[in-house]
PDB file of N, CA and C in Angstrom:
ATOM      1  N   MET A   1     167.341 146.546 347.936  1.00  0.00           N
ATOM      2  CA  MET A   1     167.055 145.972 346.644  1.00  0.00           C
ATOM      3  C   MET A   1     167.608 147.046 345.695  1.00  0.00           C
ATOM      4  N   ASP A   2     168.523 146.675 344.806  1.00  0.00           N
ATOM      5  CA  ASP A   2     169.033 147.659 343.882  1.00  0.00           C
ATOM      6  C   ASP A   2     168.102 147.648 342.668  1.00  0.00           C
ATOM      7  N   SER A   3     168.520 148.598 341.703  1.00  0.00           N
ATOM      8  CA  SER A   3     167.579 148.718 340.509  1.00  0.00           C
ATOM      9  C   SER A   3     167.680 147.648 339.644  1.00  0.00           C
ATOM     10  N   SER A   4     168.815 146.918 339.609  1.00  0.00           N
ATOM     11  CA  SER A   4     168.948 145.751 338.625  1.00  0.00           C
ATOM     12  C   SER A   4     168.041 144.481 339.019  1.00  0.00           C
ATOM     13  N   SER A   5     168.005 144.375 340.389  1.00  0.00           N
ATOM     14  CA  SER A   5     167.066 143.295 340.696  1.00  0.00           C
ATOM     15  C   SER A   5     165.752 143.602 340.586  1.00  0.00           C
ATOM     16  N   SER A   6     165.347 144.795 340.778  1.00  0.00           N
ATOM     17  CA  SER A   6     163.928 145.252 340.688  1.00  0.00           C
ATOM     18  C   SER A   6     163.487 145.012 339.129  1.00  0.00           C
ATOM     19  N   SER A   7     164.390 145.444 338.264  1.00  0.00           N
ATOM     20  CA  SER A   7     164.074 145.427 336.824  1.00  0.00           C
ATOM     21  C   SER A   7     163.983 143.916 336.416  1.00  0.00           C
ATOM     22  N   SER A   8     164.727 143.065 336.959  1.00  0.00           N
ATOM     23  CA  SER A   8     164.660 141.493 336.705  1.00  0.00           C
ATOM     24  C   SER A   8     163.295 141.118 337.256  1.00  0.00           C
ATOM     25  N   THR A   9     162.908 141.504 338.365  1.00  0.00           N
ATOM     26  CA  THR A   9     161.658 141.059 338.842  1.00  0.00           C
ATOM     27  C   THR A   9     160.433 141.469 337.903  1.00  0.00           C
ATOM     28  N   VAL A  10     160.445 142.743 337.461  1.00  0.00           N
ATOM     29  CA  VAL A  10     159.423 143.080 336.612  1.00  0.00           C
ATOM     30  C   VAL A  10     159.594 142.326 335.294  1.00  0.00           C
ATOM     31  N   GLY A  11     160.775 142.062 334.873  1.00  0.00           N
ATOM     32  CA  GLY A  11     160.856 141.168 333.618  1.00  0.00           C
ATOM     33  C   GLY A  11     160.217 139.742 333.801  1.00  0.00           C
ATOM     34  N   LEU A  12     160.513 139.145 334.884  1.00  0.00           N
ATOM     35  CA  LEU A  12     160.053 137.816 335.314  1.00  0.00           C
ATOM     36  C   LEU A  12     158.488 137.910 335.453  1.00  0.00           C
ATOM     37  N   GLY A  13     157.939 138.984 335.874  1.00  0.00           N
ATOM     38  CA  GLY A  13     156.473 139.135 336.000  1.00  0.00           C
ATOM     39  C   GLY A  13     155.893 138.981 334.614  1.00  0.00           C
ATOM     40  N   SER A  14     156.514 139.615 333.698  1.00  0.00           N
ATOM     41  CA  SER A  14     156.170 139.693 332.269  1.00  0.00           C
ATOM     42  C   SER A  14     156.133 138.352 331.561  1.00  0.00           C
ATOM     43  N   VAL A  15     157.265 137.666 331.937  1.00  0.00           N
ATOM     44  CA  VAL A  15     157.400 136.307 331.425  1.00  0.00           C
ATOM     45  C   VAL A  15     156.305 135.403 331.996  1.00  0.00           C
ATOM     46  N   ASP A  16     156.055 135.533 333.330  1.00  0.00           N
ATOM     47  CA  ASP A  16     155.066 134.681 333.973  1.00  0.00           C
ATOM     48  C   ASP A  16     153.570 134.993 333.276  1.00  0.00           C
ATOM     49  N   TRP A  17     153.427 136.246 332.968  1.00  0.00           N
ATOM     50  CA  TRP A  17     152.131 136.482 332.462  1.00  0.00           C
ATOM     51  C   TRP A  17     152.042 135.931 331.042  1.00  0.00           C
ATOM     52  N   GLN A  18     153.024 136.039 330.262  1.00  0.00           N
ATOM     53  CA  GLN A  18     153.167 135.479 328.932  1.00  0.00           C
ATOM     54  C   GLN A  18     152.957 134.030 328.905  1.00  0.00           C
ATOM     55  N   LEU A  19     153.655 133.358 329.851  1.00  0.00           N
ATOM     56  CA  LEU A  19     153.524 131.966 330.020  1.00  0.00           C
ATOM     57  C   LEU A  19     152.070 131.515 330.445  1.00  0.00           C
ATOM     58  N   GLN A  20     151.576 132.249 331.401  1.00  0.00           N
ATOM     59  CA  GLN A  20     150.159 132.023 331.778  1.00  0.00           C
ATOM     60  C   GLN A  20     149.080 132.110 330.595  1.00  0.00           C
ATOM     61  N   HIS A  21     149.286 133.239 329.719  1.00  0.00           N
ATOM     62  CA  HIS A  21     148.513 133.434 328.703  1.00  0.00           C
ATOM     63  C   HIS A  21     148.664 132.347 327.719  1.00  0.00           C
ATOM     64  N   PHE A  22     149.814 131.913 327.387  1.00  0.00           N
ATOM     65  CA  PHE A  22     150.115 130.782 326.552  1.00  0.00           C
ATOM     66  C   PHE A  22     149.595 129.526 326.980  1.00  0.00           C
ATOM     67  N   MET A  23     149.684 129.133 328.240  1.00  0.00           N
ATOM     68  CA  MET A  23     148.995 128.019 328.774  1.00  0.00           C
ATOM     69  C   MET A  23     147.513 128.107 328.691  1.00  0.00           C
ATOM     70  N   ASP A  24     146.891 129.261 328.982  1.00  0.00           N
ATOM     71  CA  ASP A  24     145.438 129.395 328.790  1.00  0.00           C
ATOM     72  C   ASP A  24     145.032 129.228 327.386  1.00  0.00           C
ATOM     73  N   VAL A  25     145.667 129.757 326.384  1.00  0.00           N
ATOM     74  CA  VAL A  25     145.348 129.471 324.914  1.00  0.00           C
ATOM     75  C   VAL A  25     145.444 128.062 324.563  1.00  0.00           C
ATOM     76  N   GLU A  26     146.485 127.378 325.092  1.00  0.00           N
ATOM     77  CA  GLU A  26     146.736 125.972 324.682  1.00  0.00           C
ATOM     78  C   GLU A  26     145.614 125.132 325.360  1.00  0.00           C
ATOM     79  N   THR A  27     145.317 125.438 326.544  1.00  0.00           N
ATOM     80  CA  THR A  27     144.207 124.735 327.265  1.00  0.00           C
ATOM     81  C   THR A  27     142.903 124.938 326.487  1.00  0.00           C
ATOM     82  N   GLN A  28     142.496 126.048 326.015  1.00  0.00           N
ATOM     83  CA  GLN A  28     141.376 126.332 325.210  1.00  0.00           C
ATOM     84  C   GLN A  28     141.456 125.508 323.882  1.00  0.00           C
ATOM     85  N   LYS A  29     142.593 125.500 323.238  1.00  0.00           N
ATOM     86  CA  LYS A  29     142.694 124.654 322.055  1.00  0.00           C
ATOM     87  C   LYS A  29     142.437 123.146 322.449  1.00  0.00           C
ATOM     88  N   GLN A  30     143.065 122.681 323.422  1.00  0.00           N
ATOM     89  CA  GLN A  30     142.854 121.266 323.775  1.00  0.00           C
ATOM     90  C   GLN A  30     141.422 120.911 324.176  1.00  0.00           C
ATOM     91  N   ARG A  31     140.643 121.881 324.805  1.00  0.00           N
ATOM     92  CA  ARG A  31     139.323 121.769 325.029  1.00  0.00           C
ATOM     93  C   ARG A  31     138.391 121.573 323.776  1.00  0.00           C
ATOM     94  N   PHE A  32     138.752 122.536 322.965  1.00  0.00           N
ATOM     95  CA  PHE A  32     138.108 122.551 321.702  1.00  0.00           C
ATOM     96  C   PHE A  32     138.350 121.241 320.961  1.00  0.00           C
ATOM     97  N   GLN A  33     139.542 120.829 320.784  1.00  0.00           N
ATOM     98  CA  GLN A  33     139.777 119.549 320.148  1.00  0.00           C
ATOM     99  C   GLN A  33     139.119 118.406 320.698  1.00  0.00           C
ATOM    100  N   GLN A  34     138.903 118.302 322.095  1.00  0.00           N
ATOM    101  CA  GLN A  34     138.266 117.270 322.696  1.00  0.00           C
ATOM    102  C   GLN A  34     136.834 117.388 322.450  1.00  0.00           C
ATOM    103  N   LEU A  35     136.322 118.558 322.426  1.00  0.00           N
ATOM    104  CA  LEU A  35     134.849 118.652 322.098  1.00  0.00           C
ATOM    105  C   LEU A  35     134.583 118.339 320.663  1.00  0.00           C
ATOM    106  N   VAL A  36     135.423 118.608 319.723  1.00  0.00           N
ATOM    107  CA  VAL A  36     135.210 118.177 318.350  1.00  0.00           C
ATOM    108  C   VAL A  36     135.306 116.705 318.109  1.00  0.00           C
ATOM    109  N   HIS A  37     136.235 116.014 318.985  1.00  0.00           N
ATOM    110  CA  HIS A  37     136.407 114.697 318.853  1.00  0.00           C
ATOM    111  C   HIS A  37     135.219 114.003 319.407  1.00  0.00           C
ATOM    112  N   GLN A  38     134.663 114.510 320.580  1.00  0.00           N
ATOM    113  CA  GLN A  38     133.496 113.954 321.192  1.00  0.00           C
ATOM    114  C   GLN A  38     132.307 114.023 320.284  1.00  0.00           C
ATOM    115  N   MET A  39     132.118 115.143 319.751  1.00  0.00           N
ATOM    116  CA  MET A  39     131.132 115.399 318.691  1.00  0.00           C
ATOM    117  C   MET A  39     131.036 114.600 317.614  1.00  0.00           C
ATOM    118  N   THR A  40     132.276 114.371 316.986  1.00  0.00           N
ATOM    119  CA  THR A  40     132.374 113.526 315.836  1.00  0.00           C
ATOM    120  C   THR A  40     132.082 112.105 316.147  1.00  0.00           C
ATOM    121  N   LYS A  41     132.599 111.597 317.324  1.00  0.00           N
ATOM    122  CA  LYS A  41     132.366 110.225 317.731  1.00  0.00           C
ATOM    123  C   LYS A  41     130.810 109.992 317.901  1.00  0.00           C
ATOM    124  N   LEU A  42     130.264 110.900 318.633  1.00  0.00           N
ATOM    125  CA  LEU A  42     128.775 110.778 319.018  1.00  0.00           C
ATOM    126  C   LEU A  42     128.021 110.708 317.619  1.00  0.00           C
ATOM    127  N   CYS A  43     128.227 111.663 316.697  1.00  0.00           N
ATOM    128  CA  CYS A  43     127.408 111.888 315.575  1.00  0.00           C
ATOM    129  C   CYS A  43     127.697 110.682 314.627  1.00  0.00           C
ATOM    130  N   TRP A  44     129.018 110.298 314.576  1.00  0.00           N
ATOM    131  CA  TRP A  44     129.189 109.163 313.675  1.00  0.00           C
ATOM    132  C   TRP A  44     128.547 107.883 314.149  1.00  0.00           C
ATOM    133  N   GLU A  45     128.503 107.605 315.426  1.00  0.00           N
ATOM    134  CA  GLU A  45     127.837 106.373 315.878  1.00  0.00           C
ATOM    135  C   GLU A  45     126.305 106.530 315.704  1.00  0.00           C
ATOM    136  N   LYS A  46     125.882 107.635 315.782  1.00  0.00           N
ATOM    137  CA  LYS A  46     124.383 107.859 315.564  1.00  0.00           C
ATOM    138  C   LYS A  46     124.002 107.794 314.106  1.00  0.00           C
ATOM    139  N   CYS A  47     124.728 108.345 313.252  1.00  0.00           N
ATOM    140  CA  CYS A  47     124.339 108.527 311.763  1.00  0.00           C
ATOM    141  C   CYS A  47     124.819 107.533 310.836  1.00  0.00           C
ATOM    142  N   THR A  48     125.720 106.671 311.275  1.00  0.00           N
ATOM    143  CA  THR A  48     126.324 105.687 310.211  1.00  0.00           C
ATOM    144  C   THR A  48     125.972 104.244 310.670  1.00  0.00           C
ATOM    145  N   ASP A  49     125.260 103.567 309.680  1.00  0.00           N
ATOM    146  CA  ASP A  49     125.141 102.234 309.858  1.00  0.00           C
ATOM    147  C   ASP A  49     126.347 101.457 309.512  1.00  0.00           C
ATOM    148  N   LYS A  50     126.889 101.710 308.342  1.00  0.00           N
ATOM    149  CA  LYS A  50     128.057 100.985 307.824  1.00  0.00           C
ATOM    150  C   LYS A  50     128.925 102.055 307.074  1.00  0.00           C
ATOM    151  N   PRO A  51     130.257 101.889 307.308  1.00  0.00           N
ATOM    152  CA  PRO A  51     131.222 102.818 306.586  1.00  0.00           C
ATOM    153  C   PRO A  51     131.217 102.495 305.033  1.00  0.00           C
ATOM    154  N   GLY A  52     131.277 103.543 304.400  1.00  0.00           N
ATOM    155  CA  GLY A  52     131.330 103.371 302.790  1.00  0.00           C
ATOM    156  C   GLY A  52     132.205 104.575 302.288  1.00  0.00           C
ATOM    157  N   PRO A  53     132.456 104.572 301.015  1.00  0.00           N
ATOM    158  CA  PRO A  53     133.240 105.615 300.346  1.00  0.00           C
ATOM    159  C   PRO A  53     132.491 106.926 300.426  1.00  0.00           C
ATOM    160  N   LYS A  54     131.096 106.997 300.495  1.00  0.00           N
ATOM    161  CA  LYS A  54     130.348 108.263 300.466  1.00  0.00           C
ATOM    162  C   LYS A  54     129.284 108.231 301.411  1.00  0.00           C
ATOM    163  N   LEU A  55     128.880 109.345 301.906  1.00  0.00           N
ATOM    164  CA  LEU A  55     127.722 109.377 302.774  1.00  0.00           C
ATOM    165  C   LEU A  55     126.458 109.536 301.908  1.00  0.00           C
ATOM    166  N   ASP A  56     125.311 108.778 302.326  1.00  0.00           N
ATOM    167  CA  ASP A  56     124.050 109.050 301.559  1.00  0.00           C
ATOM    168  C   ASP A  56     123.482 110.240 302.169  1.00  0.00           C
ATOM    169  N   SER A  57     122.381 110.628 301.437  1.00  0.00           N
ATOM    170  CA  SER A  57     121.769 112.023 301.787  1.00  0.00           C
ATOM    171  C   SER A  57     121.166 111.954 303.259  1.00  0.00           C
ATOM    172  N   LEU A  58     120.604 110.764 303.681  1.00  0.00           N
ATOM    173  CA  LEU A  58     120.153 110.688 305.034  1.00  0.00           C
ATOM    174  C   LEU A  58     121.256 110.666 306.019  1.00  0.00           C
ATOM    175  N   ALA A  59     122.406 110.090 305.841  1.00  0.00           N
ATOM    176  CA  ALA A  59     123.362 110.265 306.820  1.00  0.00           C
ATOM    177  C   ALA A  59     123.960 111.602 306.868  1.00  0.00           C
ATOM    178  N   GLU A  60     124.057 112.337 305.747  1.00  0.00           N
ATOM    179  CA  GLU A  60     124.591 113.660 305.667  1.00  0.00           C
ATOM    180  C   GLU A  60     123.589 114.629 306.422  1.00  0.00           C
ATOM    181  N   ALA A  61     122.400 114.444 306.250  1.00  0.00           N
ATOM    182  CA  ALA A  61     121.359 115.409 306.908  1.00  0.00           C
ATOM    183  C   ALA A  61     121.432 114.904 308.405  1.00  0.00           C
ATOM    184  N   CYS A  62     121.639 113.770 308.760  1.00  0.00           N
ATOM    185  CA  CYS A  62     121.810 113.308 310.260  1.00  0.00           C
ATOM    186  C   CYS A  62     122.974 114.055 310.895  1.00  0.00           C
ATOM    187  N   PHE A  63     124.110 114.000 310.195  1.00  0.00           N
ATOM    188  CA  PHE A  63     125.308 114.641 310.764  1.00  0.00           C
ATOM    189  C   PHE A  63     125.053 116.195 310.825  1.00  0.00           C
ATOM    190  N   VAL A  64     124.346 116.824 309.933  1.00  0.00           N
ATOM    191  CA  VAL A  64     124.240 118.267 310.008  1.00  0.00           C
ATOM    192  C   VAL A  64     123.350 118.513 311.201  1.00  0.00           C
ATOM    193  N   ASN A  65     122.274 117.741 311.463  1.00  0.00           N
ATOM    194  CA  ASN A  65     121.260 117.973 312.465  1.00  0.00           C
ATOM    195  C   ASN A  65     121.927 117.610 313.825  1.00  0.00           C
ATOM    196  N   CYS A  66     122.795 116.548 313.965  1.00  0.00           N
ATOM    197  CA  CYS A  66     123.461 116.211 315.071  1.00  0.00           C
ATOM    198  C   CYS A  66     124.456 117.242 315.608  1.00  0.00           C
ATOM    199  N   ILE A  67     125.304 117.639 314.654  1.00  0.00           N
ATOM    200  CA  ILE A  67     126.118 118.705 315.034  1.00  0.00           C
ATOM    201  C   ILE A  67     125.505 120.012 315.380  1.00  0.00           C
ATOM    202  N   GLY A  68     124.512 120.366 314.744  1.00  0.00           N
ATOM    203  CA  GLY A  68     123.700 121.571 315.062  1.00  0.00           C
ATOM    204  C   GLY A  68     123.128 121.413 316.449  1.00  0.00           C
ATOM    205  N   HIS A  69     122.483 120.245 316.859  1.00  0.00           N
ATOM    206  CA  HIS A  69     121.976 120.059 318.134  1.00  0.00           C
ATOM    207  C   HIS A  69     123.153 120.114 319.189  1.00  0.00           C
ATOM    208  N   PHE A  70     124.202 119.599 318.972  1.00  0.00           N
ATOM    209  CA  PHE A  70     125.321 119.459 319.829  1.00  0.00           C
ATOM    210  C   PHE A  70     125.761 120.921 320.169  1.00  0.00           C
ATOM    211  N   ILE A  71     125.859 121.708 319.137  1.00  0.00           N
ATOM    212  CA  ILE A  71     126.421 123.153 319.324  1.00  0.00           C
ATOM    213  C   ILE A  71     125.321 123.916 320.024  1.00  0.00           C
ATOM    214  N   ASP A  72     124.017 123.784 319.713  1.00  0.00           N
ATOM    215  CA  ASP A  72     122.954 124.433 320.439  1.00  0.00           C
ATOM    216  C   ASP A  72     122.900 124.132 321.853  1.00  0.00           C
ATOM    217  N   THR A  73     122.980 122.829 322.125  1.00  0.00           N
ATOM    218  CA  THR A  73     123.086 122.444 323.538  1.00  0.00           C
ATOM    219  C   THR A  73     124.277 122.893 324.305  1.00  0.00           C
ATOM    220  N   SER A  74     125.392 122.926 323.716  1.00  0.00           N
ATOM    221  CA  SER A  74     126.470 123.516 324.331  1.00  0.00           C
ATOM    222  C   SER A  74     126.377 124.962 324.675  1.00  0.00           C
ATOM    223  N   GLN A  75     125.964 125.659 323.775  1.00  0.00           N
ATOM    224  CA  GLN A  75     125.776 127.167 323.950  1.00  0.00           C
ATOM    225  C   GLN A  75     124.674 127.343 324.986  1.00  0.00           C
ATOM    226  N   PHE A  76     123.593 126.576 325.049  1.00  0.00           N
ATOM    227  CA  PHE A  76     122.557 126.658 326.116  1.00  0.00           C
ATOM    228  C   PHE A  76     123.254 126.402 327.468  1.00  0.00           C
ATOM    229  N   ASN A  77     123.888 125.446 327.469  1.00  0.00           N
ATOM    230  CA  ASN A  77     124.569 125.110 328.824  1.00  0.00           C
ATOM    231  C   ASN A  77     125.685 126.186 329.282  1.00  0.00           C
ATOM    232  N   LEU A  78     126.403 126.746 328.289  1.00  0.00           N
ATOM    233  CA  LEU A  78     127.367 127.771 328.637  1.00  0.00           C
ATOM    234  C   LEU A  78     126.527 129.095 329.195  1.00  0.00           C
ATOM    235  N   ASN A  79     125.379 129.280 328.359  1.00  0.00           N
ATOM    236  CA  ASN A  79     124.712 130.526 328.822  1.00  0.00           C
ATOM    237  C   ASN A  79     124.096 130.385 330.183  1.00  0.00           C
ATOM    238  N   ARG A  80     123.764 129.235 330.565  1.00  0.00           N
ATOM    239  CA  ARG A  80     123.052 128.858 331.879  1.00  0.00           C
ATOM    240  C   ARG A  80     124.166 129.018 333.004  1.00  0.00           C
ATOM    241  N   LEU A  81     125.305 128.657 332.761  1.00  0.00           N
ATOM    242  CA  LEU A  81     126.396 128.826 333.680  1.00  0.00           C
ATOM    243  C   LEU A  81     126.726 130.294 333.831  1.00  0.00           C
TER     244      LEU A  81
END
């Protein structure tokens, strides 16, 4: 194996690592977006009776509590794993 082929192999390893890092970051972003979507759907169904132009104070408090409980539960589960 000459020096030009070994340097290209090193270069490909670097590209593979960068690609893997990029894929990991994008996967984390996708998981986060799915979590936000799931949390929004769950809390929306729980806290709103009828859609309107503004949330009343009860619905707003419900959203805050729902999201807070969702985050706390997620953190608890992650810490248990």
